[in-house]
Amino acid sequence: MDLQEFYYACEGNYQDVKARLIKEELIQRLVIKFLDDDTYEKLLRAMEQKDYGMAFRMVHTLKGLSRNFAFDRLSESTSALTELLRKWESEPVDEEKCEQLWQQVSIDYRIVANAICRLKGAEKND
């Protein structure tokens, strides 16, 4: 799997990230390091504990990472969950809607993570 195939597999925007970061080697190195970031695991724990303040901070961070890497599908789902949780201090969280959005974020994150694993595997076989 090459970098363009990776972006296709995770419904990202290869042209966008290429225009910003220019070098494929840099993009690939940074994309592979994405899995080293623990934001998703912290978000998972916060959602399990219904710690919406921490969940908001973590999903907002994950949204930023997704946008920087042009992981469009993940960026969209994290944006939706971020907006739902944005007012967690002043308004009750719609827990049903929150769970639906969280499930979509989880699916989208796994799609990116699985594609990164395939990209890493292809890198090792070169």
C-alpha atoms as a PDB file:
ATOM      1  CA  MET A   1       0.000   0.000   0.000  1.00  0.00           C
ATOM      2  CA  ASP A   2       1.390   3.403  -0.909  1.00  0.00           C
ATOM      3  CA  LEU A   3       0.459   6.725   0.663  1.00  0.00           C
ATOM      4  CA  GLN A   4      -2.231   7.574  -1.903  1.00  0.00           C
ATOM      5  CA  GLU A   5      -3.837   4.165  -1.397  1.00  0.00           C
ATOM      6  CA  PHE A   6      -3.685   4.717   2.353  1.00  0.00           C
ATOM      7  CA  TYR A   7      -5.556   8.019   2.048  1.00  0.00           C
ATOM      8  CA  TYR A   8      -8.147   6.409  -0.198  1.00  0.00           C
ATOM      9  CA  ALA A   9      -8.617   3.555   2.299  1.00  0.00           C
ATOM     10  CA  CYS A  10      -9.281   5.882   5.228  1.00  0.00           C
ATOM     11  CA  GLU A  11     -11.324   8.404   3.214  1.00  0.00           C
ATOM     12  CA  GLY A  12      -8.715  11.088   3.698  1.00  0.00           C
ATOM     13  CA  ASN A  13      -7.531  13.832   1.395  1.00  0.00           C
ATOM     14  CA  TYR A  14      -4.107  13.023   0.013  1.00  0.00           C
ATOM     15  CA  GLN A  15      -3.956  16.169  -2.136  1.00  0.00           C
ATOM     16  CA  ASP A  16      -4.648  18.396   0.874  1.00  0.00           C
ATOM     17  CA  VAL A  17      -1.951  16.893   3.086  1.00  0.00           C
ATOM     18  CA  LYS A  18       0.513  16.775   0.166  1.00  0.00           C
ATOM     19  CA  ALA A  19      -0.047  20.489  -0.523  1.00  0.00           C
ATOM     20  CA  ARG A  20       0.723  21.342   3.108  1.00  0.00           C
ATOM     21  CA  LEU A  21       3.518  18.932   3.984  1.00  0.00           C
ATOM     22  CA  ILE A  22       4.948  18.495   0.463  1.00  0.00           C
ATOM     23  CA  LYS A  23       7.248  15.499   0.970  1.00  0.00           C
ATOM     24  CA  GLU A  24       5.747  12.019   0.911  1.00  0.00           C
ATOM     25  CA  GLU A  25       8.458  10.659   3.198  1.00  0.00           C
ATOM     26  CA  LEU A  26       7.556  13.243   5.856  1.00  0.00           C
ATOM     27  CA  ILE A  27       3.836  12.602   5.498  1.00  0.00           C
ATOM     28  CA  GLN A  28       4.296   8.849   5.796  1.00  0.00           C
ATOM     29  CA  ARG A  29       6.596   9.145   8.821  1.00  0.00           C
ATOM     30  CA  LEU A  30       4.118  11.439  10.601  1.00  0.00           C
ATOM     31  CA  VAL A  31       1.084   9.334   9.662  1.00  0.00           C
ATOM     32  CA  ILE A  32       2.731   6.230  11.118  1.00  0.00           C
ATOM     33  CA  LYS A  33       3.494   8.133  14.344  1.00  0.00           C
ATOM     34  CA  PHE A  34      -0.222   8.981  14.627  1.00  0.00           C
ATOM     35  CA  LEU A  35      -0.775   5.643  16.360  1.00  0.00           C
ATOM     36  CA  ASP A  36       1.787   6.552  19.043  1.00  0.00           C
ATOM     37  CA  ASP A  37      -0.451   9.393  20.228  1.00  0.00           C
ATOM     38  CA  ASP A  38      -2.562   8.414  23.248  1.00  0.00           C
ATOM     39  CA  THR A  39      -5.406  10.884  22.688  1.00  0.00           C
ATOM     40  CA  TYR A  40      -7.811   8.222  21.457  1.00  0.00           C
ATOM     41  CA  GLU A  41      -7.153   5.975  24.474  1.00  0.00           C
ATOM     42  CA  LYS A  42      -7.751   8.915  26.825  1.00  0.00           C
ATOM     43  CA  LEU A  43     -10.967   9.723  24.957  1.00  0.00           C
ATOM     44  CA  LEU A  44     -12.061   6.100  25.264  1.00  0.00           C
ATOM     45  CA  ARG A  45     -11.523   6.142  29.039  1.00  0.00           C
ATOM     46  CA  ALA A  46     -13.295   9.505  29.400  1.00  0.00           C
ATOM     47  CA  MET A  47     -16.302   8.247  27.453  1.00  0.00           C
ATOM     48  CA  GLU A  48     -16.456   5.056  29.534  1.00  0.00           C
ATOM     49  CA  GLN A  49     -16.431   7.155  32.712  1.00  0.00           C
ATOM     50  CA  LYS A  50     -18.787   9.785  31.259  1.00  0.00           C
ATOM     51  CA  ASP A  51     -16.166  12.415  32.057  1.00  0.00           C
ATOM     52  CA  TYR A  52     -17.458  14.839  29.457  1.00  0.00           C
ATOM     53  CA  GLY A  53     -14.943  17.562  30.281  1.00  0.00           C
ATOM     54  CA  MET A  54     -12.007  15.263  29.559  1.00  0.00           C
ATOM     55  CA  ALA A  55     -13.866  13.756  26.609  1.00  0.00           C
ATOM     56  CA  PHE A  56     -14.349  17.216  25.126  1.00  0.00           C
ATOM     57  CA  ARG A  57     -10.654  18.038  25.456  1.00  0.00           C
ATOM     58  CA  MET A  58      -9.555  14.733  23.962  1.00  0.00           C
ATOM     59  CA  VAL A  59     -12.014  14.718  21.057  1.00  0.00           C
ATOM     60  CA  HIS A  60     -11.095  18.335  20.290  1.00  0.00           C
ATOM     61  CA  THR A  61      -7.428  17.299  20.175  1.00  0.00           C
ATOM     62  CA  LEU A  62      -8.226  14.295  17.987  1.00  0.00           C
ATOM     63  CA  LYS A  63     -10.225  16.565  15.684  1.00  0.00           C
ATOM     64  CA  GLY A  64      -7.189  18.822  15.287  1.00  0.00           C
ATOM     65  CA  LEU A  65      -4.888  15.906  14.562  1.00  0.00           C
ATOM     66  CA  SER A  66      -7.364  14.533  12.041  1.00  0.00           C
ATOM     67  CA  ARG A  67      -7.583  17.844  10.244  1.00  0.00           C
ATOM     68  CA  ASN A  68      -3.815  18.281  10.183  1.00  0.00           C
ATOM     69  CA  PHE A  69      -3.412  14.838   8.627  1.00  0.00           C
ATOM     70  CA  ALA A  70      -6.413  15.353   6.299  1.00  0.00           C
ATOM     71  CA  PHE A  71      -8.193  12.278   7.681  1.00  0.00           C
ATOM     72  CA  ASP A  72     -11.470  13.762   6.475  1.00  0.00           C
ATOM     73  CA  ARG A  73     -13.841  11.040   7.634  1.00  0.00           C
ATOM     74  CA  LEU A  74     -12.374  11.005  11.155  1.00  0.00           C
ATOM     75  CA  SER A  75     -12.279  14.792  11.166  1.00  0.00           C
ATOM     76  CA  GLU A  76     -16.007  14.956  10.419  1.00  0.00           C
ATOM     77  CA  SER A  77     -17.020  12.542  13.159  1.00  0.00           C
ATOM     78  CA  THR A  78     -14.730  14.124  15.759  1.00  0.00           C
ATOM     79  CA  SER A  79     -16.114  17.552  14.822  1.00  0.00           C
ATOM     80  CA  ALA A  80     -19.663  16.370  15.427  1.00  0.00           C
ATOM     81  CA  LEU A  81     -18.792  14.922  18.841  1.00  0.00           C
ATOM     82  CA  THR A  82     -16.763  18.010  19.744  1.00  0.00           C
ATOM     83  CA  GLU A  83     -19.731  20.268  19.042  1.00  0.00           C
ATOM     84  CA  LEU A  84     -22.081  18.087  21.071  1.00  0.00           C
ATOM     85  CA  LEU A  85     -19.720  18.153  24.059  1.00  0.00           C
ATOM     86  CA  ARG A  86     -18.716  21.805  23.731  1.00  0.00           C
ATOM     87  CA  LYS A  87     -21.354  22.999  26.235  1.00  0.00           C
ATOM     88  CA  TRP A  88     -20.920  20.128  28.687  1.00  0.00           C
ATOM     89  CA  GLU A  89     -20.516  22.526  31.640  1.00  0.00           C
ATOM     90  CA  SER A  90     -23.618  24.595  30.986  1.00  0.00           C
ATOM     91  CA  GLU A  91     -26.068  22.101  29.479  1.00  0.00           C
ATOM     92  CA  PRO A  92     -26.865  18.443  30.107  1.00  0.00           C
ATOM     93  CA  VAL A  93     -25.249  16.143  27.557  1.00  0.00           C
ATOM     94  CA  ASP A  94     -27.651  14.236  25.316  1.00  0.00           C
ATOM     95  CA  GLU A  95     -26.204  10.855  26.267  1.00  0.00           C
ATOM     96  CA  GLU A  96     -27.977   8.920  23.506  1.00  0.00           C
ATOM     97  CA  LYS A  97     -26.715  11.261  20.796  1.00  0.00           C
ATOM     98  CA  CYS A  98     -23.290  11.325  22.452  1.00  0.00           C
ATOM     99  CA  GLU A  99     -23.100   7.527  22.331  1.00  0.00           C
ATOM    100  CA  GLN A 100     -24.082   7.488  18.641  1.00  0.00           C
ATOM    101  CA  LEU A 101     -21.434  10.065  17.761  1.00  0.00           C
ATOM    102  CA  TRP A 102     -18.848   8.275  19.890  1.00  0.00           C
ATOM    103  CA  GLN A 103     -19.557   5.008  18.069  1.00  0.00           C
ATOM    104  CA  GLN A 104     -18.940   6.754  14.738  1.00  0.00           C
ATOM    105  CA  VAL A 105     -15.673   8.263  16.001  1.00  0.00           C
ATOM    106  CA  SER A 106     -14.592   4.782  17.138  1.00  0.00           C
ATOM    107  CA  ILE A 107     -15.384   3.271  13.741  1.00  0.00           C
ATOM    108  CA  ASP A 108     -13.595   6.048  11.886  1.00  0.00           C
ATOM    109  CA  TYR A 109     -10.553   5.860  14.161  1.00  0.00           C
ATOM    110  CA  ARG A 110     -10.284   2.094  13.613  1.00  0.00           C
ATOM    111  CA  ILE A 111     -10.462   2.614   9.851  1.00  0.00           C
ATOM    112  CA  VAL A 112      -7.505   5.018  10.039  1.00  0.00           C
ATOM    113  CA  ALA A 113      -5.594   2.796  12.491  1.00  0.00           C
ATOM    114  CA  ASN A 114      -6.093  -0.313  10.342  1.00  0.00           C
ATOM    115  CA  ALA A 115      -4.987   1.556   7.218  1.00  0.00           C
ATOM    116  CA  ILE A 116      -1.878   2.786   9.047  1.00  0.00           C
ATOM    117  CA  CYS A 117      -1.053  -0.787  10.036  1.00  0.00           C
ATOM    118  CA  ARG A 118      -1.345  -1.847   6.393  1.00  0.00           C
ATOM    119  CA  LEU A 119       0.836   1.117   5.369  1.00  0.00           C
ATOM    120  CA  LYS A 120       3.460   0.100   7.950  1.00  0.00           C
ATOM    121  CA  GLY A 121       3.328  -3.492   6.709  1.00  0.00           C
ATOM    122  CA  ALA A 122       3.898  -2.362   3.141  1.00  0.00           C
ATOM    123  CA  GLU A 123       6.798  -0.189   4.319  1.00  0.00           C
ATOM    124  CA  LYS A 124       8.462  -3.208   5.956  1.00  0.00           C
ATOM    125  CA  ASN A 125       8.074  -5.274   2.778  1.00  0.00           C
ATOM    126  CA  ASP A 126       9.814  -2.707   0.572  1.00  0.00           C
END
